[in-house]
Amino acid sequence: MMIEEGEEDPDETPTEIAIEGIRQGLREALTGQIMPFSQMWEGIDAELSPKF
């Protein structure tokens, strides 16, 4: 699907929302509100093989 110039891509996150997410992540990191990487996927039940 081609997006014409001036049209918004419905799958694209608006810039303002993306920037706010980055700011929030930075605030959380600077205040120590972090989670060890090893715990990030705990409790998530997902298949590891891609489905094509």
C-alpha atoms as a PDB file:
ATOM      1  CA  MET A   1       0.000   0.000   0.000  1.00  0.00           C
ATOM      2  CA  MET A   2       1.440   3.334  -0.994  1.00  0.00           C
ATOM      3  CA  ILE A   3       0.886   6.433   1.083  1.00  0.00           C
ATOM      4  CA  GLU A   4       0.448   9.605  -0.928  1.00  0.00           C
ATOM      5  CA  GLU A   5       2.365  12.706   0.097  1.00  0.00           C
ATOM      6  CA  GLY A   6       0.444  14.580   2.765  1.00  0.00           C
ATOM      7  CA  GLU A   7      -1.462  11.465   3.915  1.00  0.00           C
ATOM      8  CA  GLU A   8      -0.909   9.987   7.348  1.00  0.00           C
ATOM      9  CA  ASP A   9       0.126   6.354   7.671  1.00  0.00           C
ATOM     10  CA  PRO A  10      -2.407   4.710  10.027  1.00  0.00           C
ATOM     11  CA  ASP A  11       0.336   2.388  11.336  1.00  0.00           C
ATOM     12  CA  GLU A  12       2.717   5.265  12.156  1.00  0.00           C
ATOM     13  CA  THR A  13       2.852   6.552  15.738  1.00  0.00           C
ATOM     14  CA  PRO A  14       2.358  10.322  15.739  1.00  0.00           C
ATOM     15  CA  THR A  15       5.596  12.194  16.453  1.00  0.00           C
ATOM     16  CA  GLU A  16       4.213  13.909  19.567  1.00  0.00           C
ATOM     17  CA  ILE A  17       3.251  10.566  21.128  1.00  0.00           C
ATOM     18  CA  ALA A  18       6.627   9.023  20.279  1.00  0.00           C
ATOM     19  CA  ILE A  19       8.506  11.975  21.803  1.00  0.00           C
ATOM     20  CA  GLU A  20       6.413  11.834  24.989  1.00  0.00           C
ATOM     21  CA  GLY A  21       7.164   8.106  25.299  1.00  0.00           C
ATOM     22  CA  ILE A  22      10.881   8.796  25.007  1.00  0.00           C
ATOM     23  CA  ARG A  23      10.652  11.549  27.635  1.00  0.00           C
ATOM     24  CA  GLN A  24       8.733   9.276  29.995  1.00  0.00           C
ATOM     25  CA  GLY A  25      11.310   6.509  29.569  1.00  0.00           C
ATOM     26  CA  LEU A  26      14.139   8.933  30.247  1.00  0.00           C
ATOM     27  CA  ARG A  27      12.400  10.268  33.390  1.00  0.00           C
ATOM     28  CA  GLU A  28      11.871   6.710  34.642  1.00  0.00           C
ATOM     29  CA  ALA A  29      15.492   5.759  33.951  1.00  0.00           C
ATOM     30  CA  LEU A  30      16.844   8.865  35.685  1.00  0.00           C
ATOM     31  CA  THR A  31      14.705   8.249  38.790  1.00  0.00           C
ATOM     32  CA  GLY A  32      15.654   4.579  39.041  1.00  0.00           C
ATOM     33  CA  GLN A  33      12.257   3.234  37.969  1.00  0.00           C
ATOM     34  CA  ILE A  34      13.811   0.427  35.965  1.00  0.00           C
ATOM     35  CA  MET A  35      13.284  -3.313  35.584  1.00  0.00           C
ATOM     36  CA  PRO A  36      16.108  -5.781  35.023  1.00  0.00           C
ATOM     37  CA  PHE A  37      16.095  -7.048  31.449  1.00  0.00           C
ATOM     38  CA  SER A  38      15.937 -10.626  32.712  1.00  0.00           C
ATOM     39  CA  GLN A  39      12.496  -9.907  34.222  1.00  0.00           C
ATOM     40  CA  MET A  40      10.962  -8.067  31.268  1.00  0.00           C
ATOM     41  CA  TRP A  41       9.494 -11.180  29.627  1.00  0.00           C
ATOM     42  CA  GLU A  42       8.426 -13.049  32.773  1.00  0.00           C
ATOM     43  CA  GLY A  43       4.804 -14.113  32.562  1.00  0.00           C
ATOM     44  CA  ILE A  44       4.500 -13.500  28.833  1.00  0.00           C
ATOM     45  CA  ASP A  45       3.345 -16.609  27.023  1.00  0.00           C
ATOM     46  CA  ALA A  46       4.503 -16.242  23.433  1.00  0.00           C
ATOM     47  CA  GLU A  47       5.667 -18.662  20.821  1.00  0.00           C
ATOM     48  CA  LEU A  48       9.249 -18.171  19.734  1.00  0.00           C
ATOM     49  CA  SER A  49       8.928 -19.423  16.163  1.00  0.00           C
ATOM     50  CA  PRO A  50       7.738 -16.975  13.498  1.00  0.00           C
ATOM     51  CA  LYS A  51       4.495 -17.769  11.714  1.00  0.00           C
ATOM     52  CA  PHE A  52       4.535 -17.268   7.991  1.00  0.00           C
END
